[in-house]
Amino acid sequence: KLALFVALTCALPLAAQNVDIEALSG
């Protein structure tokens, strides 16, 4: 929850490549 709160409050829209959600792990 803490990590998600940091991400939601600090992240700005940007052109990134990919993402670290667990569905893409492995």
mmCIF file of all heavy atoms, coordinates in Angstrom:
data_MODEL
# 
_entry.id   MODEL 
# 
loop_
_atom_site.group_PDB 
_atom_site.id 
_atom_site.type_symbol 
_atom_site.label_atom_id 
_atom_site.label_alt_id 
_atom_site.label_comp_id 
_atom_site.label_asym_id 
_atom_site.label_entity_id 
_atom_site.label_seq_id 
_atom_site.pdbx_PDB_ins_code 
_atom_site.Cartn_x 
_atom_site.Cartn_y 
_atom_site.Cartn_z 
_atom_site.occupancy 
_atom_site.B_iso_or_equiv 
_atom_site.pdbx_formal_charge 
_atom_site.auth_seq_id 
_atom_site.auth_comp_id 
_atom_site.auth_asym_id 
_atom_site.auth_atom_id 
_atom_site.pdbx_PDB_model_num 
ATOM 1   N N   . LYS A 1 1  ? 0.832  -1.198  0.000   1.00 0.00 ? 1  LYS A N   1 
ATOM 2   C CA  . LYS A 1 1  ? 0.000  0.000   0.000   1.00 0.00 ? 1  LYS A CA  1 
ATOM 3   C C   . LYS A 1 1  ? 0.869  1.252   0.000   1.00 0.00 ? 1  LYS A C   1 
ATOM 4   O O   . LYS A 1 1  ? 0.582  2.234   -0.697  1.00 0.00 ? 1  LYS A O   1 
ATOM 5   C CB  . LYS A 1 1  ? -0.910 0.007   1.223   1.00 0.00 ? 1  LYS A CB  1 
ATOM 6   C CG  . LYS A 1 1  ? -2.098 -0.945  1.114   1.00 0.00 ? 1  LYS A CG  1 
ATOM 7   C CD  . LYS A 1 1  ? -2.983 -0.809  2.323   1.00 0.00 ? 1  LYS A CD  1 
ATOM 8   C CE  . LYS A 1 1  ? -4.221 -1.692  2.210   1.00 0.00 ? 1  LYS A CE  1 
ATOM 9   N NZ  . LYS A 1 1  ? -5.097 -1.580  3.381   1.00 0.00 ? 1  LYS A NZ  1 
ATOM 10  N N   . LEU A 1 2  ? 1.933  1.228   0.795   1.00 0.00 ? 2  LEU A N   1 
ATOM 11  C CA  . LEU A 1 2  ? 2.819  2.377   0.845   1.00 0.00 ? 2  LEU A CA  1 
ATOM 12  C C   . LEU A 1 2  ? 3.457  2.621   -0.513  1.00 0.00 ? 2  LEU A C   1 
ATOM 13  O O   . LEU A 1 2  ? 3.520  3.757   -0.992  1.00 0.00 ? 2  LEU A O   1 
ATOM 14  C CB  . LEU A 1 2  ? 3.899  2.151   1.907   1.00 0.00 ? 2  LEU A CB  1 
ATOM 15  C CG  . LEU A 1 2  ? 4.993  3.235   1.974   1.00 0.00 ? 2  LEU A CG  1 
ATOM 16  C CD1 . LEU A 1 2  ? 4.367  4.578   2.314   1.00 0.00 ? 2  LEU A CD1 1 
ATOM 17  C CD2 . LEU A 1 2  ? 6.051  2.832   2.990   1.00 0.00 ? 2  LEU A CD2 1 
ATOM 18  N N   . ALA A 1 3  ? 3.933  1.559   -1.161  1.00 0.00 ? 3  ALA A N   1 
ATOM 19  C CA  . ALA A 1 3  ? 4.571  1.711   -2.468  1.00 0.00 ? 3  ALA A CA  1 
ATOM 20  C C   . ALA A 1 3  ? 3.589  2.263   -3.493  1.00 0.00 ? 3  ALA A C   1 
ATOM 21  O O   . ALA A 1 3  ? 3.935  3.116   -4.318  1.00 0.00 ? 3  ALA A O   1 
ATOM 22  C CB  . ALA A 1 3  ? 5.122  0.366   -2.933  1.00 0.00 ? 3  ALA A CB  1 
ATOM 23  N N   . LEU A 1 4  ? 2.357  1.773   -3.459  1.00 0.00 ? 4  LEU A N   1 
ATOM 24  C CA  . LEU A 1 4  ? 1.360  2.251   -4.411  1.00 0.00 ? 4  LEU A CA  1 
ATOM 25  C C   . LEU A 1 4  ? 1.010  3.710   -4.143  1.00 0.00 ? 4  LEU A C   1 
ATOM 26  O O   . LEU A 1 4  ? 0.809  4.496   -5.068  1.00 0.00 ? 4  LEU A O   1 
ATOM 27  C CB  . LEU A 1 4  ? 0.099  1.392   -4.321  1.00 0.00 ? 4  LEU A CB  1 
ATOM 28  C CG  . LEU A 1 4  ? 0.189  0.076   -5.075  1.00 0.00 ? 4  LEU A CG  1 
ATOM 29  C CD1 . LEU A 1 4  ? -0.897 -0.866  -4.608  1.00 0.00 ? 4  LEU A CD1 1 
ATOM 30  C CD2 . LEU A 1 4  ? 0.081  0.306   -6.563  1.00 0.00 ? 4  LEU A CD2 1 
ATOM 31  N N   . PHE A 1 5  ? 0.951  4.099   -2.873  1.00 0.00 ? 5  PHE A N   1 
ATOM 32  C CA  . PHE A 1 5  ? 0.646  5.487   -2.554  1.00 0.00 ? 5  PHE A CA  1 
ATOM 33  C C   . PHE A 1 5  ? 1.742  6.407   -3.092  1.00 0.00 ? 5  PHE A C   1 
ATOM 34  O O   . PHE A 1 5  ? 1.461  7.462   -3.671  1.00 0.00 ? 5  PHE A O   1 
ATOM 35  C CB  . PHE A 1 5  ? 0.516  5.652   -1.038  1.00 0.00 ? 5  PHE A CB  1 
ATOM 36  C CG  . PHE A 1 5  ? 0.325  7.079   -0.608  1.00 0.00 ? 5  PHE A CG  1 
ATOM 37  C CD1 . PHE A 1 5  ? -0.922 7.686   -0.732  1.00 0.00 ? 5  PHE A CD1 1 
ATOM 38  C CD2 . PHE A 1 5  ? 1.381  7.812   -0.102  1.00 0.00 ? 5  PHE A CD2 1 
ATOM 39  C CE1 . PHE A 1 5  ? -1.101 9.006   -0.345  1.00 0.00 ? 5  PHE A CE1 1 
ATOM 40  C CE2 . PHE A 1 5  ? 1.207  9.125   0.278   1.00 0.00 ? 5  PHE A CE2 1 
ATOM 41  C CZ  . PHE A 1 5  ? -0.037 9.723   0.172   1.00 0.00 ? 5  PHE A CZ  1 
ATOM 42  N N   . VAL A 1 6  ? 2.995  5.994   -2.916  1.00 0.00 ? 6  VAL A N   1 
ATOM 43  C CA  . VAL A 1 6  ? 4.099  6.796   -3.441  1.00 0.00 ? 6  VAL A CA  1 
ATOM 44  C C   . VAL A 1 6  ? 4.002  6.926   -4.950  1.00 0.00 ? 6  VAL A C   1 
ATOM 45  O O   . VAL A 1 6  ? 4.177  7.993   -5.533  1.00 0.00 ? 6  VAL A O   1 
ATOM 46  C CB  . VAL A 1 6  ? 5.453  6.165   -3.042  1.00 0.00 ? 6  VAL A CB  1 
ATOM 47  C CG1 . VAL A 1 6  ? 6.595  6.859   -3.759  1.00 0.00 ? 6  VAL A CG1 1 
ATOM 48  C CG2 . VAL A 1 6  ? 5.643  6.249   -1.535  1.00 0.00 ? 6  VAL A CG2 1 
ATOM 49  N N   . ALA A 1 7  ? 3.717  5.807   -5.617  1.00 0.00 ? 7  ALA A N   1 
ATOM 50  C CA  . ALA A 1 7  ? 3.630  5.829   -7.069  1.00 0.00 ? 7  ALA A CA  1 
ATOM 51  C C   . ALA A 1 7  ? 2.497  6.726   -7.542  1.00 0.00 ? 7  ALA A C   1 
ATOM 52  O O   . ALA A 1 7  ? 2.638  7.485   -8.505  1.00 0.00 ? 7  ALA A O   1 
ATOM 53  C CB  . ALA A 1 7  ? 3.434  4.411   -7.606  1.00 0.00 ? 7  ALA A CB  1 
ATOM 54  N N   . LEU A 1 8  ? 1.355  6.656   -6.882  1.00 0.00 ? 8  LEU A N   1 
ATOM 55  C CA  . LEU A 1 8  ? 0.192  7.438   -7.309  1.00 0.00 ? 8  LEU A CA  1 
ATOM 56  C C   . LEU A 1 8  ? 0.388  8.927   -7.079  1.00 0.00 ? 8  LEU A C   1 
ATOM 57  O O   . LEU A 1 8  ? -0.031 9.763   -7.885  1.00 0.00 ? 8  LEU A O   1 
ATOM 58  C CB  . LEU A 1 8  ? -1.053 6.967   -6.551  1.00 0.00 ? 8  LEU A CB  1 
ATOM 59  C CG  . LEU A 1 8  ? -1.722 5.714   -7.103  1.00 0.00 ? 8  LEU A CG  1 
ATOM 60  C CD1 . LEU A 1 8  ? -2.765 5.213   -6.116  1.00 0.00 ? 8  LEU A CD1 1 
ATOM 61  C CD2 . LEU A 1 8  ? -2.365 5.992   -8.445  1.00 0.00 ? 8  LEU A CD2 1 
ATOM 62  N N   . THR A 1 9  ? 1.031  9.279   -5.997  1.00 0.00 ? 9  THR A N   1 
ATOM 63  C CA  . THR A 1 9  ? 1.139  10.691  -5.674  1.00 0.00 ? 9  THR A CA  1 
ATOM 64  C C   . THR A 1 9  ? 2.345  11.358  -6.328  1.00 0.00 ? 9  THR A C   1 
ATOM 65  O O   . THR A 1 9  ? 2.361  12.582  -6.483  1.00 0.00 ? 9  THR A O   1 
ATOM 66  C CB  . THR A 1 9  ? 1.256  10.874  -4.147  1.00 0.00 ? 9  THR A CB  1 
ATOM 67  O OG1 . THR A 1 9  ? 2.351  10.083  -3.661  1.00 0.00 ? 9  THR A OG1 1 
ATOM 68  C CG2 . THR A 1 9  ? -0.024 10.438  -3.462  1.00 0.00 ? 9  THR A CG2 1 
ATOM 69  N N   . CYS A 1 10 ? 3.319  10.577  -6.745  1.00 0.00 ? 10 CYS A N   1 
ATOM 70  C CA  . CYS A 1 10 ? 4.544  11.171  -7.279  1.00 0.00 ? 10 CYS A CA  1 
ATOM 71  C C   . CYS A 1 10 ? 4.710  10.991  -8.779  1.00 0.00 ? 10 CYS A C   1 
ATOM 72  O O   . CYS A 1 10 ? 5.406  11.775  -9.421  1.00 0.00 ? 10 CYS A O   1 
ATOM 73  C CB  . CYS A 1 10 ? 5.772  10.567  -6.592  1.00 0.00 ? 10 CYS A CB  1 
ATOM 74  S SG  . CYS A 1 10 ? 5.824  10.871  -4.806  1.00 0.00 ? 10 CYS A SG  1 
ATOM 75  N N   . ALA A 1 11 ? 4.126  9.952   -9.353  1.00 0.00 ? 11 ALA A N   1 
ATOM 76  C CA  . ALA A 1 11 ? 4.371  9.665   -10.763 1.00 0.00 ? 11 ALA A CA  1 
ATOM 77  C C   . ALA A 1 11 ? 3.626  10.657  -11.645 1.00 0.00 ? 11 ALA A C   1 
ATOM 78  O O   . ALA A 1 11 ? 2.463  10.950  -11.430 1.00 0.00 ? 11 ALA A O   1 
ATOM 79  C CB  . ALA A 1 11 ? 3.931  8.246   -11.090 1.00 0.00 ? 11 ALA A CB  1 
ATOM 80  N N   . LEU A 1 12 ? 4.312  11.159  -12.672 1.00 0.00 ? 12 LEU A N   1 
ATOM 81  C CA  . LEU A 1 12 ? 3.709  12.033  -13.657 1.00 0.00 ? 12 LEU A CA  1 
ATOM 82  C C   . LEU A 1 12 ? 3.602  11.288  -14.966 1.00 0.00 ? 12 LEU A C   1 
ATOM 83  O O   . LEU A 1 12 ? 4.382  10.368  -15.229 1.00 0.00 ? 12 LEU A O   1 
ATOM 84  C CB  . LEU A 1 12 ? 4.585  13.286  -13.843 1.00 0.00 ? 12 LEU A CB  1 
ATOM 85  C CG  . LEU A 1 12 ? 4.747  14.170  -12.606 1.00 0.00 ? 12 LEU A CG  1 
ATOM 86  C CD1 . LEU A 1 12 ? 5.726  15.293  -12.906 1.00 0.00 ? 12 LEU A CD1 1 
ATOM 87  C CD2 . LEU A 1 12 ? 3.412  14.749  -12.171 1.00 0.00 ? 12 LEU A CD2 1 
ATOM 88  N N   . PRO A 1 13 ? 2.645  11.640  -15.840 1.00 0.00 ? 13 PRO A N   1 
ATOM 89  C CA  . PRO A 1 13 ? 2.560  10.985  -17.139 1.00 0.00 ? 13 PRO A CA  1 
ATOM 90  C C   . PRO A 1 13 ? 3.888  11.119  -17.881 1.00 0.00 ? 13 PRO A C   1 
ATOM 91  O O   . PRO A 1 13 ? 4.471  12.193  -17.942 1.00 0.00 ? 13 PRO A O   1 
ATOM 92  C CB  . PRO A 1 13 ? 1.440  11.762  -17.846 1.00 0.00 ? 13 PRO A CB  1 
ATOM 93  C CG  . PRO A 1 13 ? 0.602  12.306  -16.730 1.00 0.00 ? 13 PRO A CG  1 
ATOM 94  C CD  . PRO A 1 13 ? 1.569  12.619  -15.639 1.00 0.00 ? 13 PRO A CD  1 
ATOM 95  N N   . LEU A 1 14 ? 4.363  10.036  -18.436 1.00 0.00 ? 14 LEU A N   1 
ATOM 96  C CA  . LEU A 1 14 ? 5.644  10.048  -19.145 1.00 0.00 ? 14 LEU A CA  1 
ATOM 97  C C   . LEU A 1 14 ? 5.634  8.967   -20.207 1.00 0.00 ? 14 LEU A C   1 
ATOM 98  O O   . LEU A 1 14 ? 4.773  8.102   -20.233 1.00 0.00 ? 14 LEU A O   1 
ATOM 99  C CB  . LEU A 1 14 ? 6.805  9.845   -18.168 1.00 0.00 ? 14 LEU A CB  1 
ATOM 100 C CG  . LEU A 1 14 ? 6.685  8.708   -17.135 1.00 0.00 ? 14 LEU A CG  1 
ATOM 101 C CD1 . LEU A 1 14 ? 7.182  7.413   -17.746 1.00 0.00 ? 14 LEU A CD1 1 
ATOM 102 C CD2 . LEU A 1 14 ? 7.434  9.033   -15.879 1.00 0.00 ? 14 LEU A CD2 1 
ATOM 103 N N   . ALA A 1 15 ? 6.620  9.030   -21.074 1.00 0.00 ? 15 ALA A N   1 
ATOM 104 C CA  . ALA A 1 15 ? 6.737  8.024   -22.130 1.00 0.00 ? 15 ALA A CA  1 
ATOM 105 C C   . ALA A 1 15 ? 7.716  6.965   -21.663 1.00 0.00 ? 15 ALA A C   1 
ATOM 106 O O   . ALA A 1 15 ? 8.915  7.110   -21.812 1.00 0.00 ? 15 ALA A O   1 
ATOM 107 C CB  . ALA A 1 15 ? 7.216  8.666   -23.424 1.00 0.00 ? 15 ALA A CB  1 
ATOM 108 N N   . ALA A 1 16 ? 7.219  5.941   -21.041 1.00 0.00 ? 16 ALA A N   1 
ATOM 109 C CA  . ALA A 1 16 ? 8.063  4.867   -20.526 1.00 0.00 ? 16 ALA A CA  1 
ATOM 110 C C   . ALA A 1 16 ? 7.944  3.651   -21.440 1.00 0.00 ? 16 ALA A C   1 
ATOM 111 O O   . ALA A 1 16 ? 7.119  3.618   -22.343 1.00 0.00 ? 16 ALA A O   1 
ATOM 112 C CB  . ALA A 1 16 ? 7.647  4.521   -19.098 1.00 0.00 ? 16 ALA A CB  1 
ATOM 113 N N   . GLN A 1 17 ? 8.776  2.654   -21.149 1.00 0.00 ? 17 GLN A N   1 
ATOM 114 C CA  . GLN A 1 17 ? 8.834  1.517   -22.048 1.00 0.00 ? 17 GLN A CA  1 
ATOM 115 C C   . GLN A 1 17 ? 7.901  0.394   -21.638 1.00 0.00 ? 17 GLN A C   1 
ATOM 116 O O   . GLN A 1 17 ? 7.100  -0.078  -22.426 1.00 0.00 ? 17 GLN A O   1 
ATOM 117 C CB  . GLN A 1 17 ? 10.271 0.983   -22.095 1.00 0.00 ? 17 GLN A CB  1 
ATOM 118 C CG  . GLN A 1 17 ? 10.482 -0.163  -23.042 1.00 0.00 ? 17 GLN A CG  1 
ATOM 119 C CD  . GLN A 1 17 ? 10.094 0.179   -24.447 1.00 0.00 ? 17 GLN A CD  1 
ATOM 120 O OE1 . GLN A 1 17 ? 8.975  -0.051  -24.863 1.00 0.00 ? 17 GLN A OE1 1 
ATOM 121 N NE2 . GLN A 1 17 ? 10.992 0.750   -25.195 1.00 0.00 ? 17 GLN A NE2 1 
ATOM 122 N N   . ASN A 1 18 ? 8.014  -0.060  -20.437 1.00 0.00 ? 18 ASN A N   1 
ATOM 123 C CA  . ASN A 1 18 ? 7.206  -1.180  -19.986 1.00 0.00 ? 18 ASN A CA  1 
ATOM 124 C C   . ASN A 1 18 ? 7.007  -1.026  -18.493 1.00 0.00 ? 18 ASN A C   1 
ATOM 125 O O   . ASN A 1 18 ? 7.403  -0.022  -17.904 1.00 0.00 ? 18 ASN A O   1 
ATOM 126 C CB  . ASN A 1 18 ? 7.893  -2.504  -20.342 1.00 0.00 ? 18 ASN A CB  1 
ATOM 127 C CG  . ASN A 1 18 ? 6.893  -3.559  -20.739 1.00 0.00 ? 18 ASN A CG  1 
ATOM 128 O OD1 . ASN A 1 18 ? 5.819  -3.642  -20.175 1.00 0.00 ? 18 ASN A OD1 1 
ATOM 129 N ND2 . ASN A 1 18 ? 7.237  -4.366  -21.712 1.00 0.00 ? 18 ASN A ND2 1 
ATOM 130 N N   . VAL A 1 19 ? 6.426  -2.020  -17.844 1.00 0.00 ? 19 VAL A N   1 
ATOM 131 C CA  . VAL A 1 19 ? 6.009  -1.829  -16.465 1.00 0.00 ? 19 VAL A CA  1 
ATOM 132 C C   . VAL A 1 19 ? 6.265  -3.102  -15.663 1.00 0.00 ? 19 VAL A C   1 
ATOM 133 O O   . VAL A 1 19 ? 6.405  -4.187  -16.228 1.00 0.00 ? 19 VAL A O   1 
ATOM 134 C CB  . VAL A 1 19 ? 4.513  -1.427  -16.433 1.00 0.00 ? 19 VAL A CB  1 
ATOM 135 C CG1 . VAL A 1 19 ? 3.635  -2.603  -16.822 1.00 0.00 ? 19 VAL A CG1 1 
ATOM 136 C CG2 . VAL A 1 19 ? 4.107  -0.875  -15.086 1.00 0.00 ? 19 VAL A CG2 1 
ATOM 137 N N   . ASP A 1 20 ? 6.310  -2.942  -14.333 1.00 0.00 ? 20 ASP A N   1 
ATOM 138 C CA  . ASP A 1 20 ? 6.725  -4.043  -13.471 1.00 0.00 ? 20 ASP A CA  1 
ATOM 139 C C   . ASP A 1 20 ? 5.575  -4.769  -12.797 1.00 0.00 ? 20 ASP A C   1 
ATOM 140 O O   . ASP A 1 20 ? 5.775  -5.408  -11.769 1.00 0.00 ? 20 ASP A O   1 
ATOM 141 C CB  . ASP A 1 20 ? 7.680  -3.511  -12.386 1.00 0.00 ? 20 ASP A CB  1 
ATOM 142 C CG  . ASP A 1 20 ? 6.993  -2.541  -11.444 1.00 0.00 ? 20 ASP A CG  1 
ATOM 143 O OD1 . ASP A 1 20 ? 5.970  -1.953  -11.846 1.00 0.00 ? 20 ASP A OD1 1 
ATOM 144 O OD2 . ASP A 1 20 ? 7.472  -2.370  -10.313 1.00 0.00 ? 20 ASP A OD2 1 
ATOM 145 N N   . ILE A 1 21 ? 4.359  -4.699  -13.316 1.00 0.00 ? 21 ILE A N   1 
ATOM 146 C CA  . ILE A 1 21 ? 3.271  -5.404  -12.649 1.00 0.00 ? 21 ILE A CA  1 
ATOM 147 C C   . ILE A 1 21 ? 3.512  -6.919  -12.729 1.00 0.00 ? 21 ILE A C   1 
ATOM 148 O O   . ILE A 1 21 ? 4.113  -7.430  -13.673 1.00 0.00 ? 21 ILE A O   1 
ATOM 149 C CB  . ILE A 1 21 ? 1.902  -5.022  -13.232 1.00 0.00 ? 21 ILE A CB  1 
ATOM 150 C CG1 . ILE A 1 21 ? 1.786  -5.385  -14.710 1.00 0.00 ? 21 ILE A CG1 1 
ATOM 151 C CG2 . ILE A 1 21 ? 1.626  -3.559  -13.021 1.00 0.00 ? 21 ILE A CG2 1 
ATOM 152 C CD1 . ILE A 1 21 ? 0.405  -5.109  -15.280 1.00 0.00 ? 21 ILE A CD1 1 
ATOM 153 N N   . GLU A 1 22 ? 3.027  -7.610  -11.703 1.00 0.00 ? 22 GLU A N   1 
ATOM 154 C CA  . GLU A 1 22 ? 3.382  -9.025  -11.538 1.00 0.00 ? 22 GLU A CA  1 
ATOM 155 C C   . GLU A 1 22 ? 2.977  -9.899  -12.720 1.00 0.00 ? 22 GLU A C   1 
ATOM 156 O O   . GLU A 1 22 ? 3.573  -10.950 -12.953 1.00 0.00 ? 22 GLU A O   1 
ATOM 157 C CB  . GLU A 1 22 ? 2.735  -9.554  -10.255 1.00 0.00 ? 22 GLU A CB  1 
ATOM 158 C CG  . GLU A 1 22 ? 3.323  -8.998  -8.962  1.00 0.00 ? 22 GLU A CG  1 
ATOM 159 C CD  . GLU A 1 22 ? 2.713  -7.675  -8.547  1.00 0.00 ? 22 GLU A CD  1 
ATOM 160 O OE1 . GLU A 1 22 ? 2.146  -6.966  -9.403  1.00 0.00 ? 22 GLU A OE1 1 
ATOM 161 O OE2 . GLU A 1 22 ? 2.813  -7.332  -7.363  1.00 0.00 ? 22 GLU A OE2 1 
ATOM 162 N N   . ALA A 1 23 ? 1.954  -9.507  -13.473 1.00 0.00 ? 23 ALA A N   1 
ATOM 163 C CA  . ALA A 1 23 ? 1.499  -10.319 -14.594 1.00 0.00 ? 23 ALA A CA  1 
ATOM 164 C C   . ALA A 1 23 ? 2.583  -10.537 -15.638 1.00 0.00 ? 23 ALA A C   1 
ATOM 165 O O   . ALA A 1 23 ? 2.536  -11.496 -16.407 1.00 0.00 ? 23 ALA A O   1 
ATOM 166 C CB  . ALA A 1 23 ? 0.273  -9.682  -15.255 1.00 0.00 ? 23 ALA A CB  1 
ATOM 167 N N   . LEU A 1 24 ? 3.588  -9.644  -15.677 1.00 0.00 ? 24 LEU A N   1 
ATOM 168 C CA  . LEU A 1 24 ? 4.664  -9.758  -16.657 1.00 0.00 ? 24 LEU A CA  1 
ATOM 169 C C   . LEU A 1 24 ? 5.907  -10.427 -16.093 1.00 0.00 ? 24 LEU A C   1 
ATOM 170 O O   . LEU A 1 24 ? 6.893  -10.593 -16.790 1.00 0.00 ? 24 LEU A O   1 
ATOM 171 C CB  . LEU A 1 24 ? 5.028  -8.366  -17.194 1.00 0.00 ? 24 LEU A CB  1 
ATOM 172 C CG  . LEU A 1 24 ? 3.878  -7.609  -17.884 1.00 0.00 ? 24 LEU A CG  1 
ATOM 173 C CD1 . LEU A 1 24 ? 4.321  -6.220  -18.284 1.00 0.00 ? 24 LEU A CD1 1 
ATOM 174 C CD2 . LEU A 1 24 ? 3.377  -8.371  -19.086 1.00 0.00 ? 24 LEU A CD2 1 
ATOM 175 N N   . SER A 1 25 ? 5.862  -10.811 -14.816 1.00 0.00 ? 25 SER A N   1 
ATOM 176 C CA  . SER A 1 25 ? 7.006  -11.463 -14.198 1.00 0.00 ? 25 SER A CA  1 
ATOM 177 C C   . SER A 1 25 ? 7.210  -12.861 -14.779 1.00 0.00 ? 25 SER A C   1 
ATOM 178 O O   . SER A 1 25 ? 6.259  -13.624 -14.943 1.00 0.00 ? 25 SER A O   1 
ATOM 179 C CB  . SER A 1 25 ? 6.795  -11.566 -12.687 1.00 0.00 ? 25 SER A CB  1 
ATOM 180 O OG  . SER A 1 25 ? 7.817  -12.318 -12.079 1.00 0.00 ? 25 SER A OG  1 
ATOM 181 N N   . GLY A 1 26 ? 8.457  -13.189 -15.069 1.00 0.00 ? 26 GLY A N   1 
ATOM 182 C CA  . GLY A 1 26 ? 8.772  -14.523 -15.565 1.00 0.00 ? 26 GLY A CA  1 
ATOM 183 C C   . GLY A 1 26 ? 8.319  -14.808 -16.965 1.00 0.00 ? 26 GLY A C   1 
ATOM 184 O O   . GLY A 1 26 ? 8.383  -15.945 -17.430 1.00 0.00 ? 26 GLY A O   1 
# 
